[in-house]
Amino acid sequence: MNNQRPKNLNLFTIRQPLPAIVSILHRISGLILFLLLPFLLWGFNLSVSSQQSFDDLQQVLAIPWIKFIIWCCLSAFIYHLMAGIRHLLMDIGIGEELKSGRLSAALTILITLLLIILTGIWLW
């Protein structure tokens, strides 16, 4: 069989289903969290070193654009957590079918958005 169909290898032109997008974003958020780990550990070390360094860290964390960066980091964590719970549920057999997979992907996005908004309210 001679198949001469053109191959589209551009991932940006292929329409991915919602569960695939949720899974890809889960991997991206995990990478972001991994890259943020040294900064988190540095901040933790600074916060427990002395009272003065803790006070200095609090002053830095009160700056609005720093709060925005923290909100973005927390957003990545929340998304990764919610998508991870979805993947764990799929590992035990819940939400593996096509329809329930789409529903769980949509619920993951909605719950994540709600928690991200609540986190923003809590920070400010």
Foldseek 3Di string as FASTA:
>chain_A
DDDPDDDDPPPVPDDDALLVVLVVLLVVLVVVLVVCVVVVVVLVCQCPVDPVSVVVSVVVCVDVVNLVVVLVNVLSVLSNVLSVVVVVCVVVPQQPDPVSSNVSSVVSVVVSVVVSVVVVVVSD
